[in-house]
Amino acid sequence: MNSESITLDEFLTNDYESYEYFKGELVPMSIPTMEHGVISANIVTLLNNHVRQHQLGRIYTAETTFQVGESGRKPDVAFVSQARIPENARQASPIPPDLAIEVVSPSDKVYDVQEKTLEYLDAGTRMVWVIEPIAKTVTVYRSPNDIKTLTINDTLTGEDVVEGFQCAVSEVFE
């Protein structure tokens, strides 16, 4: 696929598998590694069990496109609270998730991950988790000034976004 310019609406209404949309361009997504897949599956399992049990909303996987400001993003895992779930589930989400989770891939550039994180926050995402497989850390972003990094000795919580959720950071990497 070439990097021809398209509109955000065109991106959101068509299936551009393995691409995100940023600054008017299709941006190829990193090819996930096995490690990336295991971490994503762990997060989906841990979060989804809690979210379903407490009827808090929905968990979405990396195939789901969200409108994030003027971009179309596909977080590795996302949560949307029950009250905010869009009515039409047969289209890309016209709203950003409440929680966006990005698992860093070997080909990801730190600059790009941070830019995407700030874009989520600017668009109204309430919390972003950036999971770093090499250091085995989870960095929790609430705003550009409210950032904390958790290690495998810490507990990851959903705070007021995914209420009641908690797990040991080490469980994310098992």
N, C-alpha and C. Protein backbone atom coordinates (compact mmCIF):
# COMPACT_ATOMS: atom_id res chain seq x y z
N MET A 1 0.85 -1.18 0.00
CA MET A 1 0.00 0.00 0.00
C MET A 1 0.89 1.23 0.00
N ASN A 2 0.60 2.19 -0.84
CA ASN A 2 1.42 3.40 -0.87
C ASN A 2 0.97 4.37 0.21
N SER A 3 1.73 5.43 0.38
CA SER A 3 1.40 6.37 1.45
C SER A 3 0.59 7.56 0.92
N GLU A 4 -0.35 7.26 0.02
CA GLU A 4 -1.20 8.31 -0.51
C GLU A 4 -2.00 8.95 0.62
N SER A 5 -2.32 10.21 0.45
CA SER A 5 -3.10 10.91 1.46
C SER A 5 -4.56 10.50 1.36
N ILE A 6 -5.16 10.24 2.51
CA ILE A 6 -6.58 9.95 2.60
C ILE A 6 -7.13 10.80 3.74
N THR A 7 -8.43 10.85 3.84
CA THR A 7 -9.04 11.60 4.94
C THR A 7 -9.25 10.67 6.13
N LEU A 8 -9.46 11.27 7.28
CA LEU A 8 -9.76 10.48 8.47
C LEU A 8 -11.04 9.69 8.28
N ASP A 9 -12.06 10.31 7.68
CA ASP A 9 -13.32 9.60 7.42
C ASP A 9 -13.11 8.37 6.53
N GLU A 10 -12.29 8.51 5.48
CA GLU A 10 -12.00 7.38 4.61
C GLU A 10 -11.32 6.26 5.40
N PHE A 11 -10.39 6.63 6.26
CA PHE A 11 -9.70 5.62 7.07
C PHE A 11 -10.69 4.91 8.00
N LEU A 12 -11.54 5.69 8.66
CA LEU A 12 -12.46 5.11 9.64
C LEU A 12 -13.54 4.25 9.01
N THR A 13 -13.88 4.50 7.74
CA THR A 13 -14.95 3.72 7.10
C THR A 13 -14.43 2.56 6.26
N ASN A 14 -13.12 2.43 6.11
CA ASN A 14 -12.54 1.32 5.36
C ASN A 14 -11.67 0.48 6.28
N ASP A 15 -11.42 -0.75 5.88
CA ASP A 15 -10.62 -1.64 6.70
C ASP A 15 -9.17 -1.60 6.22
N TYR A 16 -8.36 -0.82 6.93
CA TYR A 16 -6.94 -0.74 6.62
C TYR A 16 -6.19 -1.56 7.65
N GLU A 17 -6.23 -2.88 7.45
CA GLU A 17 -5.59 -3.79 8.39
C GLU A 17 -4.09 -3.50 8.45
N SER A 18 -3.55 -3.51 9.65
CA SER A 18 -2.13 -3.30 9.92
C SER A 18 -1.66 -1.87 9.69
N TYR A 19 -2.60 -0.93 9.64
CA TYR A 19 -2.25 0.49 9.48
C TYR A 19 -2.98 1.32 10.52
N GLU A 20 -2.34 2.41 10.92
CA GLU A 20 -2.99 3.46 11.67
C GLU A 20 -3.00 4.69 10.77
N TYR A 21 -3.69 5.73 11.19
CA TYR A 21 -3.81 6.94 10.40
C TYR A 21 -3.30 8.10 11.25
N PHE A 22 -2.30 8.82 10.73
CA PHE A 22 -1.70 9.91 11.49
C PHE A 22 -1.24 10.99 10.52
N LYS A 23 -1.65 12.22 10.78
CA LYS A 23 -1.26 13.38 9.96
C LYS A 23 -1.56 13.17 8.48
N GLY A 24 -2.74 12.60 8.20
CA GLY A 24 -3.19 12.44 6.83
C GLY A 24 -2.57 11.29 6.07
N GLU A 25 -1.79 10.45 6.75
CA GLU A 25 -1.10 9.35 6.08
C GLU A 25 -1.41 8.01 6.74
N LEU A 26 -1.35 6.96 5.94
CA LEU A 26 -1.41 5.61 6.48
C LEU A 26 -0.03 5.28 7.05
N VAL A 27 -0.02 4.82 8.29
CA VAL A 27 1.24 4.48 8.95
C VAL A 27 1.23 2.98 9.25
N PRO A 28 2.19 2.23 8.68
CA PRO A 28 2.20 0.79 8.96
C PRO A 28 2.48 0.51 10.44
N MET A 29 1.77 -0.46 10.98
CA MET A 29 1.97 -0.84 12.37
C MET A 29 3.12 -1.85 12.45
N SER A 30 3.76 -1.89 13.60
CA SER A 30 4.83 -2.87 13.82
C SER A 30 4.26 -4.27 13.74
N ILE A 31 5.08 -5.19 13.26
CA ILE A 31 4.67 -6.59 13.23
C ILE A 31 4.89 -7.14 14.63
N PRO A 32 3.81 -7.62 15.28
CA PRO A 32 3.96 -8.08 16.66
C PRO A 32 4.80 -9.34 16.77
N THR A 33 5.62 -9.39 17.81
CA THR A 33 6.42 -10.58 18.11
C THR A 33 5.59 -11.54 18.96
N MET A 34 6.11 -12.73 19.18
CA MET A 34 5.43 -13.68 20.06
C MET A 34 5.33 -13.10 21.48
N GLU A 35 6.40 -12.46 21.93
CA GLU A 35 6.40 -11.84 23.26
C GLU A 35 5.28 -10.79 23.36
N HIS A 36 5.14 -9.98 22.33
CA HIS A 36 4.11 -8.96 22.27
C HIS A 36 2.73 -9.60 22.37
N GLY A 37 2.54 -10.70 21.65
CA GLY A 37 1.26 -11.41 21.66
C GLY A 37 0.92 -11.97 23.03
N VAL A 38 1.90 -12.53 23.72
CA VAL A 38 1.67 -13.09 25.05
C VAL A 38 1.29 -11.98 26.03
N ILE A 39 2.01 -10.87 26.00
CA ILE A 39 1.72 -9.76 26.90
C ILE A 39 0.33 -9.20 26.62
N SER A 40 0.01 -9.00 25.34
CA SER A 40 -1.32 -8.50 24.99
C SER A 40 -2.41 -9.45 25.46
N ALA A 41 -2.19 -10.76 25.26
CA ALA A 41 -3.19 -11.75 25.68
C ALA A 41 -3.34 -11.74 27.20
N ASN A 42 -2.24 -11.61 27.93
CA ASN A 42 -2.32 -11.54 29.39
C ASN A 42 -3.16 -10.35 29.83
N ILE A 43 -2.91 -9.19 29.24
CA ILE A 43 -3.66 -7.98 29.59
C ILE A 43 -5.13 -8.15 29.26
N VAL A 44 -5.43 -8.66 28.07
CA VAL A 44 -6.83 -8.86 27.67
C VAL A 44 -7.51 -9.79 28.67
N THR A 45 -6.87 -10.89 29.02
CA THR A 45 -7.47 -11.85 29.94
C THR A 45 -7.70 -11.23 31.31
N LEU A 46 -6.68 -10.61 31.87
CA LEU A 46 -6.79 -10.02 33.20
C LEU A 46 -7.87 -8.93 33.24
N LEU A 47 -7.81 -8.01 32.29
CA LEU A 47 -8.78 -6.91 32.26
C LEU A 47 -10.19 -7.38 31.94
N ASN A 48 -10.31 -8.23 30.92
CA ASN A 48 -11.64 -8.65 30.47
C ASN A 48 -12.38 -9.41 31.56
N ASN A 49 -11.67 -10.27 32.29
CA ASN A 49 -12.33 -10.99 33.38
C ASN A 49 -12.93 -10.02 34.40
N HIS A 50 -12.17 -9.00 34.77
CA HIS A 50 -12.65 -8.02 35.74
C HIS A 50 -13.78 -7.16 35.16
N VAL A 51 -13.59 -6.66 33.95
CA VAL A 51 -14.57 -5.77 33.32
C VAL A 51 -15.90 -6.49 33.12
N ARG A 52 -15.86 -7.73 32.68
CA ARG A 52 -17.11 -8.48 32.46
C ARG A 52 -17.81 -8.81 33.78
N GLN A 53 -17.03 -9.24 34.76
CA GLN A 53 -17.60 -9.60 36.06
C GLN A 53 -18.33 -8.42 36.69
N HIS A 54 -17.78 -7.23 36.53
CA HIS A 54 -18.35 -6.04 37.16
C HIS A 54 -19.16 -5.16 36.19
N GLN A 55 -19.34 -5.67 34.94
CA GLN A 55 -20.12 -4.97 33.91
C GLN A 55 -19.72 -3.50 33.78
N LEU A 56 -18.40 -3.29 33.63
CA LEU A 56 -17.86 -1.93 33.56
C LEU A 56 -17.83 -1.36 32.15
N GLY A 57 -17.88 -2.22 31.14
CA GLY A 57 -17.77 -1.75 29.76
C GLY A 57 -17.27 -2.87 28.88
N ARG A 58 -16.37 -2.52 27.93
CA ARG A 58 -15.85 -3.49 26.97
C ARG A 58 -14.34 -3.35 26.82
N ILE A 59 -13.71 -4.49 26.56
CA ILE A 59 -12.29 -4.54 26.22
C ILE A 59 -12.19 -4.79 24.72
N TYR A 60 -11.29 -4.09 24.05
CA TYR A 60 -11.08 -4.23 22.61
C TYR A 60 -9.63 -4.59 22.32
N THR A 61 -9.43 -5.36 21.27
CA THR A 61 -8.08 -5.78 20.87
C THR A 61 -7.56 -4.90 19.74
N ALA A 62 -6.34 -5.18 19.32
CA ALA A 62 -5.60 -4.33 18.38
C ALA A 62 -6.24 -4.19 17.01
N GLU A 63 -7.23 -5.00 16.70
CA GLU A 63 -7.90 -4.87 15.40
C GLU A 63 -8.91 -3.72 15.38
N THR A 64 -9.19 -3.16 16.55
CA THR A 64 -10.23 -2.13 16.67
C THR A 64 -9.65 -0.74 16.48
N THR A 65 -10.25 0.02 15.58
CA THR A 65 -9.81 1.39 15.30
C THR A 65 -10.62 2.37 16.14
N PHE A 66 -9.91 3.33 16.72
CA PHE A 66 -10.54 4.41 17.49
C PHE A 66 -10.16 5.74 16.87
N GLN A 67 -11.14 6.65 16.81
CA GLN A 67 -10.81 8.01 16.41
C GLN A 67 -10.18 8.68 17.62
N VAL A 68 -8.94 9.12 17.44
CA VAL A 68 -8.19 9.77 18.51
C VAL A 68 -7.78 11.13 17.97
N GLY A 69 -8.57 12.15 18.30
CA GLY A 69 -8.33 13.47 17.71
C GLY A 69 -8.50 13.38 16.21
N GLU A 70 -7.46 13.77 15.48
CA GLU A 70 -7.48 13.71 14.02
C GLU A 70 -6.80 12.45 13.48
N SER A 71 -6.62 11.45 14.33
CA SER A 71 -5.96 10.22 13.94
C SER A 71 -6.90 9.03 14.10
N GLY A 72 -6.54 7.95 13.45
CA GLY A 72 -7.19 6.66 13.63
C GLY A 72 -6.16 5.74 14.25
N ARG A 73 -6.36 5.35 15.48
CA ARG A 73 -5.38 4.55 16.23
C ARG A 73 -5.94 3.18 16.58
N LYS A 74 -5.04 2.22 16.71
CA LYS A 74 -5.38 0.85 17.07
C LYS A 74 -4.51 0.43 18.26
N PRO A 75 -4.93 0.81 19.47
CA PRO A 75 -4.13 0.39 20.63
C PRO A 75 -4.10 -1.13 20.73
N ASP A 76 -3.06 -1.66 21.35
CA ASP A 76 -2.96 -3.11 21.49
C ASP A 76 -4.13 -3.66 22.29
N VAL A 77 -4.53 -2.93 23.31
CA VAL A 77 -5.71 -3.27 24.11
C VAL A 77 -6.35 -1.93 24.50
N ALA A 78 -7.68 -1.91 24.56
CA ALA A 78 -8.38 -0.69 24.95
C ALA A 78 -9.60 -1.04 25.79
N PHE A 79 -10.00 -0.09 26.62
CA PHE A 79 -11.20 -0.22 27.44
C PHE A 79 -12.07 1.00 27.19
N VAL A 80 -13.39 0.73 27.01
CA VAL A 80 -14.38 1.80 26.92
C VAL A 80 -15.43 1.50 27.98
N SER A 81 -15.72 2.49 28.82
CA SER A 81 -16.70 2.30 29.89
C SER A 81 -18.10 2.11 29.32
N GLN A 82 -18.93 1.43 30.09
CA GLN A 82 -20.29 1.09 29.66
C GLN A 82 -21.06 2.31 29.16
N ALA A 83 -20.95 3.42 29.86
CA ALA A 83 -21.71 4.62 29.50
C ALA A 83 -21.25 5.26 28.19
N ARG A 84 -20.03 4.93 27.75
CA ARG A 84 -19.48 5.58 26.56
C ARG A 84 -19.45 4.69 25.32
N ILE A 85 -19.88 3.45 25.42
CA ILE A 85 -19.82 2.54 24.27
C ILE A 85 -20.71 3.08 23.16
N PRO A 86 -20.12 3.33 21.98
CA PRO A 86 -20.92 3.84 20.86
C PRO A 86 -22.00 2.83 20.46
N GLU A 87 -23.13 3.34 19.99
CA GLU A 87 -24.26 2.48 19.62
C GLU A 87 -23.93 1.56 18.45
N ASN A 88 -23.27 2.08 17.43
CA ASN A 88 -23.00 1.29 16.23
C ASN A 88 -21.67 0.57 16.38
N ALA A 89 -21.73 -0.71 16.73
CA ALA A 89 -20.52 -1.51 16.92
C ALA A 89 -19.96 -2.03 15.59
N ARG A 90 -20.62 -1.74 14.48
CA ARG A 90 -20.17 -2.24 13.19
C ARG A 90 -19.33 -1.23 12.42
N GLN A 91 -18.73 -0.31 13.18
CA GLN A 91 -17.85 0.69 12.57
C GLN A 91 -16.70 0.97 13.52
N ALA A 92 -15.74 1.74 13.07
CA ALA A 92 -14.67 2.18 13.94
C ALA A 92 -15.27 3.04 15.04
N SER A 93 -14.61 3.06 16.18
CA SER A 93 -15.13 3.87 17.28
C SER A 93 -14.92 5.35 17.00
N PRO A 94 -15.98 6.15 17.07
CA PRO A 94 -15.84 7.58 16.83
C PRO A 94 -15.28 8.33 18.04
N ILE A 95 -15.00 7.61 19.11
CA ILE A 95 -14.47 8.21 20.34
C ILE A 95 -13.17 7.51 20.74
N PRO A 96 -12.32 8.20 21.49
CA PRO A 96 -11.11 7.53 21.99
C PRO A 96 -11.48 6.61 23.16
N PRO A 97 -10.65 5.61 23.45
CA PRO A 97 -10.93 4.75 24.60
C PRO A 97 -10.70 5.49 25.92
N ASP A 98 -11.28 4.96 26.98
CA ASP A 98 -11.01 5.49 28.32
C ASP A 98 -9.59 5.09 28.75
N LEU A 99 -9.20 3.87 28.40
CA LEU A 99 -7.86 3.35 28.69
C LEU A 99 -7.29 2.80 27.40
N ALA A 100 -6.10 3.27 27.03
CA ALA A 100 -5.38 2.74 25.87
C ALA A 100 -4.12 2.07 26.38
N ILE A 101 -3.83 0.89 25.84
CA ILE A 101 -2.65 0.14 26.26
C ILE A 101 -1.80 -0.14 25.04
N GLU A 102 -0.55 0.26 25.11
CA GLU A 102 0.40 0.02 24.03
C GLU A 102 1.53 -0.86 24.55
N VAL A 103 1.79 -1.97 23.85
CA VAL A 103 2.91 -2.84 24.17
C VAL A 103 4.03 -2.46 23.20
N VAL A 104 5.16 -2.06 23.74
CA VAL A 104 6.27 -1.60 22.91
C VAL A 104 6.86 -2.78 22.14
N SER A 105 7.02 -2.59 20.83
CA SER A 105 7.64 -3.60 19.96
C SER A 105 9.09 -3.23 19.70
N PRO A 106 9.91 -4.21 19.32
CA PRO A 106 11.33 -3.90 19.05
C PRO A 106 11.54 -2.80 18.02
N SER A 107 10.63 -2.68 17.05
CA SER A 107 10.80 -1.68 16.00
C SER A 107 10.21 -0.31 16.37
N ASP A 108 9.53 -0.21 17.51
CA ASP A 108 8.94 1.08 17.92
C ASP A 108 10.03 2.06 18.35
N LYS A 109 9.86 3.31 17.94
CA LYS A 109 10.76 4.38 18.38
C LYS A 109 10.15 5.04 19.61
N VAL A 110 10.98 5.33 20.60
CA VAL A 110 10.51 5.96 21.84
C VAL A 110 9.73 7.23 21.52
N TYR A 111 10.23 8.03 20.60
CA TYR A 111 9.57 9.28 20.22
C TYR A 111 8.15 9.02 19.75
N ASP A 112 7.99 8.02 18.89
CA ASP A 112 6.67 7.71 18.33
C ASP A 112 5.70 7.22 19.40
N VAL A 113 6.18 6.39 20.31
CA VAL A 113 5.33 5.88 21.39
C VAL A 113 4.88 7.03 22.29
N GLN A 114 5.79 7.93 22.61
CA GLN A 114 5.42 9.07 23.45
C GLN A 114 4.47 10.02 22.73
N GLU A 115 4.70 10.23 21.44
CA GLU A 115 3.81 11.09 20.67
C GLU A 115 2.39 10.51 20.65
N LYS A 116 2.30 9.19 20.44
CA LYS A 116 1.00 8.52 20.41
C LYS A 116 0.33 8.61 21.79
N THR A 117 1.11 8.43 22.85
CA THR A 117 0.57 8.51 24.21
C THR A 117 -0.02 9.88 24.48
N LEU A 118 0.70 10.92 24.13
CA LEU A 118 0.19 12.28 24.35
C LEU A 118 -1.02 12.57 23.47
N GLU A 119 -1.05 11.99 22.29
CA GLU A 119 -2.20 12.15 21.41
C GLU A 119 -3.46 11.54 22.05
N TYR A 120 -3.32 10.35 22.63
CA TYR A 120 -4.45 9.74 23.34
C TYR A 120 -4.95 10.68 24.43
N LEU A 121 -4.04 11.16 25.27
CA LEU A 121 -4.41 12.02 26.39
C LEU A 121 -5.07 13.31 25.91
N ASP A 122 -4.50 13.91 24.87
CA ASP A 122 -5.07 15.15 24.31
C ASP A 122 -6.49 14.94 23.79
N ALA A 123 -6.77 13.73 23.29
CA ALA A 123 -8.08 13.43 22.71
C ALA A 123 -9.12 13.06 23.77
N GLY A 124 -8.69 12.89 25.01
CA GLY A 124 -9.64 12.58 26.07
C GLY A 124 -9.51 11.20 26.69
N THR A 125 -8.54 10.41 26.24
CA THR A 125 -8.28 9.13 26.90
C THR A 125 -7.84 9.44 28.33
N ARG A 126 -8.45 8.76 29.29
CA ARG A 126 -8.22 9.10 30.69
C ARG A 126 -6.94 8.51 31.26
N MET A 127 -6.48 7.39 30.66
CA MET A 127 -5.27 6.75 31.14
C MET A 127 -4.65 5.94 30.01
N VAL A 128 -3.31 5.94 29.97
CA VAL A 128 -2.58 5.14 28.98
C VAL A 128 -1.54 4.32 29.73
N TRP A 129 -1.49 3.02 29.39
CA TRP A 129 -0.43 2.17 29.91
C TRP A 129 0.52 1.85 28.76
N VAL A 130 1.80 2.11 28.95
CA VAL A 130 2.82 1.73 27.98
C VAL A 130 3.63 0.60 28.62
N ILE A 131 3.54 -0.57 28.00
CA ILE A 131 4.17 -1.76 28.55
C ILE A 131 5.48 -1.99 27.81
N GLU A 132 6.57 -2.07 28.56
CA GLU A 132 7.92 -2.23 28.01
C GLU A 132 8.43 -3.63 28.35
N PRO A 133 8.45 -4.54 27.37
CA PRO A 133 8.82 -5.93 27.63
C PRO A 133 10.27 -6.14 28.09
N ILE A 134 11.21 -5.36 27.59
CA ILE A 134 12.62 -5.58 27.95
C ILE A 134 12.85 -5.24 29.43
N ALA A 135 12.42 -4.08 29.85
CA ALA A 135 12.61 -3.65 31.24
C ALA A 135 11.54 -4.24 32.17
N LYS A 136 10.50 -4.85 31.57
CA LYS A 136 9.37 -5.38 32.33
C LYS A 136 8.76 -4.29 33.23
N THR A 137 8.42 -3.18 32.58
CA THR A 137 7.79 -2.07 33.28
C THR A 137 6.47 -1.70 32.61
N VAL A 138 5.61 -1.04 33.38
CA VAL A 138 4.39 -0.45 32.86
C VAL A 138 4.43 1.01 33.27
N THR A 139 4.41 1.91 32.28
CA THR A 139 4.37 3.33 32.58
C THR A 139 2.92 3.78 32.44
N VAL A 140 2.41 4.37 33.51
CA VAL A 140 1.01 4.81 33.58
C VAL A 140 0.98 6.32 33.38
N TYR A 141 0.29 6.74 32.33
CA TYR A 141 0.14 8.16 32.00
C TYR A 141 -1.29 8.58 32.30
N ARG A 142 -1.45 9.62 33.13
CA ARG A 142 -2.76 10.23 33.36
C ARG A 142 -2.83 11.59 32.69
N SER A 143 -1.70 12.23 32.55
CA SER A 143 -1.57 13.52 31.86
C SER A 143 -0.09 13.67 31.53
N PRO A 144 0.26 14.70 30.75
CA PRO A 144 1.69 14.90 30.46
C PRO A 144 2.53 15.14 31.73
N ASN A 145 1.87 15.51 32.83
CA ASN A 145 2.59 15.78 34.07
C ASN A 145 2.36 14.73 35.15
N ASP A 146 1.51 13.75 34.89
CA ASP A 146 1.19 12.71 35.86
C ASP A 146 1.57 11.36 35.24
N ILE A 147 2.82 10.97 35.48
CA ILE A 147 3.40 9.78 34.86
C ILE A 147 4.10 8.98 35.94
N LYS A 148 3.83 7.68 36.00
CA LYS A 148 4.58 6.85 36.94
C LYS A 148 4.93 5.52 36.29
N THR A 149 6.12 5.04 36.59
CA THR A 149 6.59 3.78 36.03
C THR A 149 6.58 2.72 37.12
N LEU A 150 5.95 1.60 36.80
CA LEU A 150 5.83 0.49 37.73
C LEU A 150 6.75 -0.65 37.29
N THR A 151 7.34 -1.34 38.26
CA THR A 151 8.20 -2.49 37.97
C THR A 151 7.48 -3.78 38.37
N ILE A 152 8.13 -4.92 38.15
CA ILE A 152 7.49 -6.20 38.46
C ILE A 152 7.21 -6.38 39.95
N ASN A 153 7.75 -5.53 40.80
CA ASN A 153 7.47 -5.59 42.24
C ASN A 153 6.24 -4.77 42.63
N ASP A 154 5.64 -4.07 41.66
CA ASP A 154 4.52 -3.17 41.94
C ASP A 154 3.19 -3.79 41.55
N THR A 155 2.12 -3.09 41.92
CA THR A 155 0.75 -3.49 41.58
C THR A 155 0.20 -2.47 40.58
N LEU A 156 -0.35 -2.99 39.49
CA LEU A 156 -0.99 -2.16 38.47
C LEU A 156 -2.47 -2.08 38.81
N THR A 157 -3.02 -0.87 38.82
CA THR A 157 -4.44 -0.72 39.13
C THR A 157 -5.13 0.07 38.02
N GLY A 158 -6.45 -0.09 37.97
CA GLY A 158 -7.25 0.65 37.01
C GLY A 158 -7.65 2.02 37.52
N GLU A 159 -7.23 2.34 38.74
CA GLU A 159 -7.54 3.62 39.37
C GLU A 159 -9.04 3.91 39.23
N ASP A 160 -9.39 5.11 38.83
CA ASP A 160 -10.82 5.46 38.68
C ASP A 160 -11.31 5.22 37.24
N VAL A 161 -10.47 4.62 36.40
CA VAL A 161 -10.84 4.38 35.01
C VAL A 161 -11.45 2.98 34.85
N VAL A 162 -10.77 1.97 35.38
CA VAL A 162 -11.29 0.59 35.42
C VAL A 162 -11.36 0.26 36.91
N GLU A 163 -12.43 0.72 37.52
CA GLU A 163 -12.54 0.66 38.97
C GLU A 163 -12.43 -0.75 39.51
N GLY A 164 -11.61 -0.89 40.55
CA GLY A 164 -11.45 -2.16 41.23
C GLY A 164 -10.42 -3.09 40.61
N PHE A 165 -9.95 -2.77 39.41
CA PHE A 165 -8.97 -3.66 38.76
C PHE A 165 -7.61 -3.50 39.41
N GLN A 166 -6.97 -4.64 39.67
CA GLN A 166 -5.57 -4.63 40.08
C GLN A 166 -4.95 -5.98 39.80
N CYS A 167 -3.67 -5.95 39.50
CA CYS A 167 -2.89 -7.17 39.31
C CYS A 167 -1.43 -6.83 39.58
N ALA A 168 -0.66 -7.84 39.88
CA ALA A 168 0.77 -7.65 40.02
C ALA A 168 1.33 -7.36 38.62
N VAL A 169 2.23 -6.40 38.51
CA VAL A 169 2.84 -6.10 37.21
C VAL A 169 3.49 -7.37 36.66
N SER A 170 4.05 -8.21 37.52
CA SER A 170 4.69 -9.45 37.06
C SER A 170 3.73 -10.34 36.27
N GLU A 171 2.41 -10.29 36.60
CA GLU A 171 1.42 -11.12 35.88
C GLU A 171 1.32 -10.73 34.41
N VAL A 172 1.60 -9.47 34.10
CA VAL A 172 1.53 -8.99 32.72
C VAL A 172 2.57 -9.70 31.86
N PHE A 173 3.69 -10.08 32.48
CA PHE A 173 4.83 -10.63 31.73
C PHE A 173 4.97 -12.15 31.86
N GLU A 174 4.02 -12.83 32.51
CA GLU A 174 4.11 -14.28 32.72
C GLU A 174 3.94 -15.05 31.42
